[in-house]
């Protein structure tokens, strides 16, 4: 299973970093060979080495071998839909206060990147319920998650359908601790989310545009079921540090999306009115119409590309499950074999 420490073994994912810092991720298989235009490396030569070793290829070039972190995996796994970047996933876990043992609802599942972070955060004692409208995206996400863990997590379910209809059918009222919405029109699901959330529970919306941000914030206020929403965006800028040459990187990961959070009020509670500075809060029906999903549009890959991504993701998941089962069988065999006195 991913997260194993110690020497590399058959079935492990290994991230090879070449002389020009180019990354290659491979799954160790007996007799297999990693090929690049700079030479080859036998998989068997990596098996047994400690994590963090350096190995030379057939041309003498050195490669650093490490088990990929979750951050590395989500940035390189097959994608059907755009992923939530690690910088935003980290903020979702923090602002949403996702804790071990929590019951979490996620919609939509996309390519499964956020699902992986959430499953790590809630642990084996938690429950993650994911909802996705498109079956192709659901297939890719399930394959990616299975590939990473080496098995499908037993505390994770994926429902294909509209959250507004599916959530009441699969979840009891006031039984959910956290809800994360990554969709085009999260305001359409607020009533269903309010019913499912426990008092004090947190709703987090990942939103792409300022028009969507304004629309969902006003919709949350209008329900009367939540605290006043808080919004933010996260930007990450790396730094170049070599000796006395210390400066910001020329490129940075800037805007990817907005995060909006609010907490569920107890039933019947009326939120005290806050004193606010004068601002433009009026808008017409025509303004709202411009913010609807139809006007915003939804971009997605072609059906042919999605089918190919599904095949790639499922193949990776199959290899990961097979490797995990083989490792378990090997461990069981070692445990049952007689020891020398």
Protein backbone atom coordinates (compact mmCIF):
# COMPACT_ATOMS: atom_id res chain seq x y z
CA UNK A 1 0.00 0.00 0.00
CA UNK A 2 1.15 3.54 -0.73
CA UNK A 3 2.85 5.03 2.31
CA UNK A 4 5.03 1.96 2.91
CA UNK A 5 8.53 2.79 4.11
CA UNK A 6 11.75 0.83 3.83
CA UNK A 7 13.53 -0.65 0.79
CA UNK A 8 11.82 -0.56 -2.60
CA UNK A 9 9.82 -3.67 -3.42
CA UNK A 10 7.99 -5.07 -6.44
CA UNK A 11 4.75 -3.14 -7.01
CA UNK A 12 6.03 0.13 -5.53
CA UNK A 13 5.63 3.39 -7.40
CA UNK A 14 9.03 5.05 -7.81
CA UNK A 15 9.72 8.61 -8.92
CA UNK A 16 12.97 8.92 -10.85
CA UNK A 17 14.50 12.40 -11.15
CA UNK A 18 16.96 12.71 -14.02
CA UNK A 19 19.98 14.96 -14.61
CA UNK A 20 17.78 17.82 -15.87
CA UNK A 21 15.28 17.48 -13.00
CA UNK A 22 12.75 15.76 -15.26
CA UNK A 23 10.45 13.41 -13.32
CA UNK A 24 9.50 9.88 -14.37
CA UNK A 25 7.10 7.71 -12.33
CA UNK A 26 7.29 3.94 -12.77
CA UNK A 27 5.80 0.87 -11.05
CA UNK A 28 8.45 -1.73 -10.23
CA UNK A 29 7.90 -5.02 -12.06
CA UNK A 30 10.28 -8.01 -12.28
CA UNK A 31 12.26 -8.04 -15.52
CA UNK A 32 10.97 -4.65 -16.69
CA UNK A 33 13.27 -1.88 -17.96
CA UNK A 34 12.82 1.89 -17.75
CA UNK A 35 13.75 3.51 -21.08
CA UNK A 36 14.61 7.12 -21.84
CA UNK A 37 16.55 8.82 -24.61
CA UNK A 38 19.48 8.96 -22.16
CA UNK A 39 19.64 5.19 -21.46
CA UNK A 40 17.94 2.41 -19.48
CA UNK A 41 17.50 1.29 -15.87
CA UNK A 42 16.50 -2.25 -14.87
CA UNK A 43 13.61 -2.36 -12.41
CA UNK A 44 15.37 -5.27 -10.66
CA UNK A 45 18.31 -2.96 -9.91
CA UNK A 46 16.01 -0.64 -7.95
CA UNK A 47 14.25 -3.36 -5.92
CA UNK A 48 15.88 -3.61 -2.50
CA UNK A 49 17.45 -0.14 -2.53
CA UNK A 50 16.53 2.26 0.30
CA UNK A 51 14.09 5.05 -0.44
CA UNK A 52 16.07 8.13 -1.49
CA UNK A 53 18.84 6.23 -3.33
CA UNK A 54 20.77 7.31 -6.43
CA UNK A 55 21.12 4.84 -9.29
CA UNK A 56 22.97 5.13 -12.61
CA UNK A 57 21.47 4.20 -15.96
CA UNK A 58 23.20 2.35 -18.79
CA UNK A 59 24.91 5.57 -19.95
CA UNK A 60 26.17 6.51 -16.49
CA UNK A 61 23.61 9.25 -15.83
CA UNK A 62 22.48 9.39 -12.21
CA UNK A 63 18.81 9.30 -11.18
CA UNK A 64 17.38 9.97 -7.72
CA UNK A 65 14.80 7.33 -6.74
CA UNK A 66 12.04 8.26 -4.28
CA UNK A 67 8.55 7.05 -3.51
CA UNK A 68 6.22 9.77 -4.89
CA UNK A 69 4.32 11.86 -2.36
CA UNK A 70 0.56 12.32 -2.72
CA UNK A 71 1.34 15.79 -4.05
CA UNK A 72 3.43 14.22 -6.83
CA UNK A 73 0.80 11.60 -7.63
CA UNK A 74 -2.16 13.95 -8.08
CA UNK A 75 -0.16 16.16 -10.42
CA UNK A 76 0.71 13.27 -12.74
CA UNK A 77 -2.29 10.91 -12.57
CA UNK A 78 -4.73 10.51 -15.52
CA UNK A 79 -7.29 13.33 -15.65
CA UNK A 80 -10.80 13.47 -16.99
CA UNK A 81 -11.62 16.81 -15.37
CA UNK A 82 -9.37 19.54 -14.05
CA UNK A 83 -8.05 18.74 -10.58
CA UNK A 84 -8.07 20.79 -7.39
CA UNK A 85 -4.41 21.76 -6.97
CA UNK A 86 -2.57 20.73 -3.78
CA UNK A 87 -2.37 24.34 -2.59
CA UNK A 88 -6.18 24.57 -2.65
CA UNK A 89 -6.68 21.06 -1.28
CA UNK A 90 -4.51 21.96 1.71
CA UNK A 91 -6.64 25.05 2.36
CA UNK A 92 -9.84 23.02 2.04
CA UNK A 93 -8.60 20.60 4.68
CA UNK A 94 -7.60 23.50 6.95
CA UNK A 95 -10.53 25.88 6.47
CA UNK A 96 -12.98 22.98 6.50
CA UNK A 97 -11.31 21.53 9.59
CA UNK A 98 -11.50 18.00 8.13
CA UNK A 99 -10.60 15.63 10.97
CA UNK A 100 -10.03 11.87 11.51
CA UNK A 101 -13.36 10.07 11.83
CA UNK A 102 -15.37 12.81 10.09
CA UNK A 103 -18.29 12.10 7.77
CA UNK A 104 -17.60 14.13 4.62
CA UNK A 105 -19.63 14.73 1.46
CA UNK A 106 -17.83 15.74 -1.74
CA UNK A 107 -19.39 16.87 -5.04
CA UNK A 108 -18.23 16.58 -7.81
CA UNK A 109 -15.47 14.06 -7.70
CA UNK A 110 -13.71 15.12 -10.94
CA UNK A 111 -10.52 13.06 -11.36
CA UNK A 112 -10.30 12.07 -7.69
CA UNK A 113 -7.53 14.44 -6.52
CA UNK A 114 -9.48 15.96 -3.63
CA UNK A 115 -10.92 12.53 -2.76
CA UNK A 116 -7.38 11.32 -2.07
CA UNK A 117 -6.62 14.23 0.26
CA UNK A 118 -9.93 13.80 2.08
CA UNK A 119 -9.46 10.04 2.53
CA UNK A 120 -6.01 10.68 3.99
CA UNK A 121 -7.45 13.29 6.38
CA UNK A 122 -10.45 11.34 7.69
CA UNK A 123 -8.52 8.10 8.17
CA UNK A 124 -10.00 4.62 8.29
CA UNK A 125 -12.54 5.66 10.95
CA UNK A 126 -14.07 8.39 8.76
CA UNK A 127 -16.52 8.19 5.87
CA UNK A 128 -16.31 9.92 2.49
CA UNK A 129 -19.38 10.12 0.26
CA UNK A 130 -18.57 11.42 -3.21
CA UNK A 131 -21.10 12.47 -5.84
CA UNK A 132 -20.48 13.00 -9.54
CA UNK A 133 -22.86 13.77 -12.40
CA UNK A 134 -20.71 12.21 -15.15
CA UNK A 135 -20.05 8.47 -15.12
CA UNK A 136 -16.77 8.86 -17.06
CA UNK A 137 -15.35 11.16 -14.40
CA UNK A 138 -16.52 8.75 -11.70
CA UNK A 139 -14.70 5.85 -13.41
CA UNK A 140 -11.45 7.84 -13.70
CA UNK A 141 -11.60 9.02 -10.09
CA UNK A 142 -12.26 5.53 -8.73
CA UNK A 143 -9.39 4.09 -10.76
CA UNK A 144 -6.99 6.84 -9.62
CA UNK A 145 -7.87 6.38 -5.95
CA UNK A 146 -7.59 2.59 -6.21
CA UNK A 147 -4.24 2.92 -7.98
CA UNK A 148 -2.83 5.16 -5.24
CA UNK A 149 -3.94 3.07 -2.26
CA UNK A 150 -3.48 -0.32 -3.93
CA UNK A 151 -7.10 -1.15 -3.10
CA UNK A 152 -10.45 0.59 -3.03
CA UNK A 153 -11.01 2.23 0.38
CA UNK A 154 -13.90 0.56 2.20
CA UNK A 155 -15.00 3.86 3.76
CA UNK A 156 -15.52 5.57 0.38
CA UNK A 157 -18.63 5.54 -1.80
CA UNK A 158 -19.19 7.18 -5.19
CA UNK A 159 -22.71 7.97 -6.37
CA UNK A 160 -23.38 8.99 -9.96
CA UNK A 161 -26.18 11.54 -10.05
CA UNK A 162 -27.27 15.03 -9.14
CA UNK A 163 -26.39 15.96 -5.54
CA UNK A 164 -29.73 17.66 -4.91
CA UNK A 165 -31.57 14.42 -5.64
CA UNK A 166 -29.01 11.85 -4.49
CA UNK A 167 -27.92 13.35 -1.16
CA UNK A 168 -31.31 13.02 0.60
CA UNK A 169 -31.61 9.43 -0.67
CA UNK A 170 -28.19 8.32 0.64
CA UNK A 171 -27.65 10.45 3.75
CA UNK A 172 -29.66 10.97 6.93
CA UNK A 173 -30.55 14.47 8.06
CA UNK A 174 -27.98 16.24 10.26
CA UNK A 175 -25.48 13.38 9.88
CA UNK A 176 -22.68 15.04 7.87
CA UNK A 177 -19.75 16.94 9.42
CA UNK A 178 -18.31 18.60 6.30
CA UNK A 179 -19.49 19.25 2.74
CA UNK A 180 -17.15 20.29 -0.10
CA UNK A 181 -18.72 21.50 -3.34
CA UNK A 182 -16.66 21.71 -6.54
CA UNK A 183 -19.27 22.39 -9.19
CA UNK A 184 -20.55 25.00 -11.61
CA UNK A 185 -23.66 26.04 -9.65
CA UNK A 186 -23.25 25.20 -5.94
CA UNK A 187 -26.17 27.50 -5.02
CA UNK A 188 -28.56 24.90 -6.46
CA UNK A 189 -27.57 22.40 -3.73
CA UNK A 190 -27.68 24.60 -0.62
CA UNK A 191 -31.02 23.37 0.72
CA UNK A 192 -29.98 19.73 0.44
CA UNK A 193 -26.63 20.53 2.06
CA UNK A 194 -28.27 22.42 4.93
CA UNK A 195 -30.52 19.43 5.62
CA UNK A 196 -27.60 16.96 5.63
CA UNK A 197 -25.18 19.03 7.73
CA UNK A 198 -25.03 18.83 11.51
CA UNK A 199 -25.38 22.15 13.38
CA UNK A 200 -21.90 23.69 13.40
CA UNK A 201 -20.88 21.68 10.33
CA UNK A 202 -18.82 23.36 7.62
CA UNK A 203 -19.61 23.84 3.94
CA UNK A 204 -16.72 24.68 1.60
CA UNK A 205 -17.27 25.80 -2.01
CA UNK A 206 -14.46 25.76 -4.59
CA UNK A 207 -15.39 28.37 -7.19
CA UNK A 208 -13.70 29.38 -10.44
CA UNK A 209 -14.98 32.90 -11.20
CA UNK A 210 -15.92 36.09 -9.33
CA UNK A 211 -19.47 35.97 -10.70
CA UNK A 212 -19.96 32.50 -9.25
CA UNK A 213 -18.39 33.66 -5.98
CA UNK A 214 -20.86 36.53 -5.67
CA UNK A 215 -23.83 34.36 -6.61
CA UNK A 216 -23.14 31.58 -4.12
CA UNK A 217 -22.29 34.01 -1.29
CA UNK A 218 -25.63 35.79 -1.69
CA UNK A 219 -27.45 32.47 -1.99
CA UNK A 220 -25.90 31.24 1.28
CA UNK A 221 -26.98 34.43 3.05
CA UNK A 222 -30.48 34.11 1.63
CA UNK A 223 -31.02 30.63 3.08
CA UNK A 224 -30.73 31.85 6.65
CA UNK A 225 -29.21 28.48 7.53
CA UNK A 226 -25.53 29.44 7.63
CA UNK A 227 -23.10 31.89 9.16
CA UNK A 228 -21.91 34.78 7.00
CA UNK A 229 -19.70 33.23 4.26
CA UNK A 230 -15.96 33.90 4.20
CA UNK A 231 -14.06 33.90 0.90
CA UNK A 232 -10.38 33.75 -0.05
CA UNK A 233 -7.90 32.65 -2.69
CA UNK A 234 -4.45 31.14 -2.26
CA UNK A 235 -1.32 32.01 -4.21
CA UNK A 236 2.00 30.21 -3.85
CA UNK A 237 5.31 31.76 -4.87
CA UNK A 238 8.52 29.77 -4.69
CA UNK A 239 11.93 31.25 -3.96
CA UNK A 240 15.32 30.62 -5.55
CA UNK A 241 17.87 30.13 -2.76
CA UNK A 242 21.51 29.39 -3.60
CA UNK A 243 24.12 30.95 -1.36
CA UNK A 244 23.65 34.71 -1.49
CA UNK A 245 21.47 34.48 -4.61
CA UNK A 246 18.08 34.71 -2.91
CA UNK A 247 15.11 35.97 -4.93
CA UNK A 248 11.51 35.10 -5.78
CA UNK A 249 10.97 32.63 -8.60
CA UNK A 250 10.01 34.20 -11.92
CA UNK A 251 6.87 32.06 -12.06
CA UNK A 252 4.26 31.31 -9.41
CA UNK A 253 1.07 29.31 -8.94
CA UNK A 254 -1.39 32.19 -8.77
CA UNK A 255 -5.17 32.12 -9.13
CA UNK A 256 -6.74 28.70 -9.57
CA UNK A 257 -10.02 29.25 -7.73
CA UNK A 258 -11.81 30.87 -4.80
CA UNK A 259 -12.71 29.14 -1.55
CA UNK A 260 -15.87 30.09 0.29
CA UNK A 261 -16.73 28.68 3.71
CA UNK A 262 -19.71 28.92 6.07
CA UNK A 263 -21.05 26.98 9.07
CA UNK A 264 -24.47 25.45 9.62
CA UNK A 265 -26.63 27.24 12.16
CA UNK A 266 -28.88 25.36 14.57
CA UNK A 267 -32.45 25.01 13.23
CA UNK A 268 -34.52 28.11 13.98
CA UNK A 269 -31.50 30.28 14.76
CA UNK A 270 -31.53 33.83 13.41
CA UNK A 271 -28.06 35.19 12.71
CA UNK A 272 -27.43 38.61 14.31
CA UNK A 273 -27.13 41.38 11.74
CA UNK A 274 -23.60 42.72 11.36
CA UNK A 275 -22.89 46.41 10.85
CA UNK A 276 -21.46 46.88 7.38
CA UNK A 277 -20.00 49.72 5.43
CA UNK A 278 -22.08 51.03 2.55
CA UNK A 279 -21.44 49.02 -0.61
CA UNK A 280 -23.11 48.03 -3.85
CA UNK A 281 -25.26 45.04 -2.86
CA UNK A 282 -28.20 45.52 -5.19
CA UNK A 283 -28.56 43.44 -8.33
CA UNK A 284 -31.31 42.76 -10.82
CA UNK A 285 -32.81 39.55 -12.19
CA UNK A 286 -30.95 40.23 -15.43
CA UNK A 287 -27.66 40.32 -13.56
CA UNK A 288 -28.42 37.00 -11.92
CA UNK A 289 -29.38 35.44 -15.25
CA UNK A 290 -25.89 36.20 -16.56
CA UNK A 291 -24.45 34.10 -13.73
CA UNK A 292 -26.43 30.94 -14.47
CA UNK A 293 -24.62 27.76 -15.54
CA UNK A 294 -25.89 28.10 -19.10
CA UNK A 295 -24.36 31.53 -19.51
CA UNK A 296 -21.13 30.55 -17.77
CA UNK A 297 -20.66 27.45 -19.90
CA UNK A 298 -18.94 24.21 -18.97
CA UNK A 299 -15.80 23.01 -20.68
CA UNK A 300 -14.84 19.36 -20.78
CA UNK A 301 -12.71 17.02 -22.86
CA UNK A 302 -13.97 15.12 -25.88
CA UNK A 303 -15.65 11.73 -25.42
CA UNK A 304 -12.73 10.03 -27.18
CA UNK A 305 -10.20 11.61 -24.80
CA UNK A 306 -12.31 10.68 -21.77
CA UNK A 307 -12.56 7.05 -22.90
CA UNK A 308 -8.78 6.89 -23.28
CA UNK A 309 -8.26 8.43 -19.84
CA UNK A 310 -10.63 5.88 -18.30
CA UNK A 311 -8.63 3.04 -19.88
CA UNK A 312 -5.30 4.43 -18.64
CA UNK A 313 -6.60 5.00 -15.11
CA UNK A 314 -8.20 1.54 -14.89
CA UNK A 315 -4.99 -0.11 -16.15
CA UNK A 316 -2.96 1.65 -13.45
CA UNK A 317 -5.50 0.61 -10.81
CA UNK A 318 -5.38 -3.04 -11.96
CA UNK A 319 -1.58 -3.11 -11.71
CA UNK A 320 -1.67 -1.48 -8.27
CA UNK A 321 -4.24 -3.95 -6.91
CA UNK A 322 -2.32 -6.91 -8.33
CA UNK A 323 0.93 -5.66 -6.79
CA UNK A 324 -0.75 -5.14 -3.41
CA UNK A 325 -2.25 -8.64 -3.47
CA UNK A 326 1.10 -10.17 -4.43
CA UNK A 327 2.84 -8.33 -1.60
CA UNK A 328 0.26 -9.52 0.92
CA UNK A 329 0.59 -13.10 -0.32
CA UNK A 330 4.38 -12.87 0.05
CA UNK A 331 4.05 -11.51 3.59
CA UNK A 332 1.56 -14.27 4.50
CA UNK A 333 3.88 -16.91 3.04
CA UNK A 334 6.85 -15.60 5.03
CA UNK A 335 4.77 -15.53 8.20
CA UNK A 336 3.60 -19.13 7.79
CA UNK A 337 6.96 -20.63 6.78
CA UNK A 338 8.94 -22.45 9.50
CA UNK A 339 11.92 -20.55 10.91
CA UNK A 340 15.41 -21.95 11.30
CA UNK A 341 16.48 -22.73 14.86
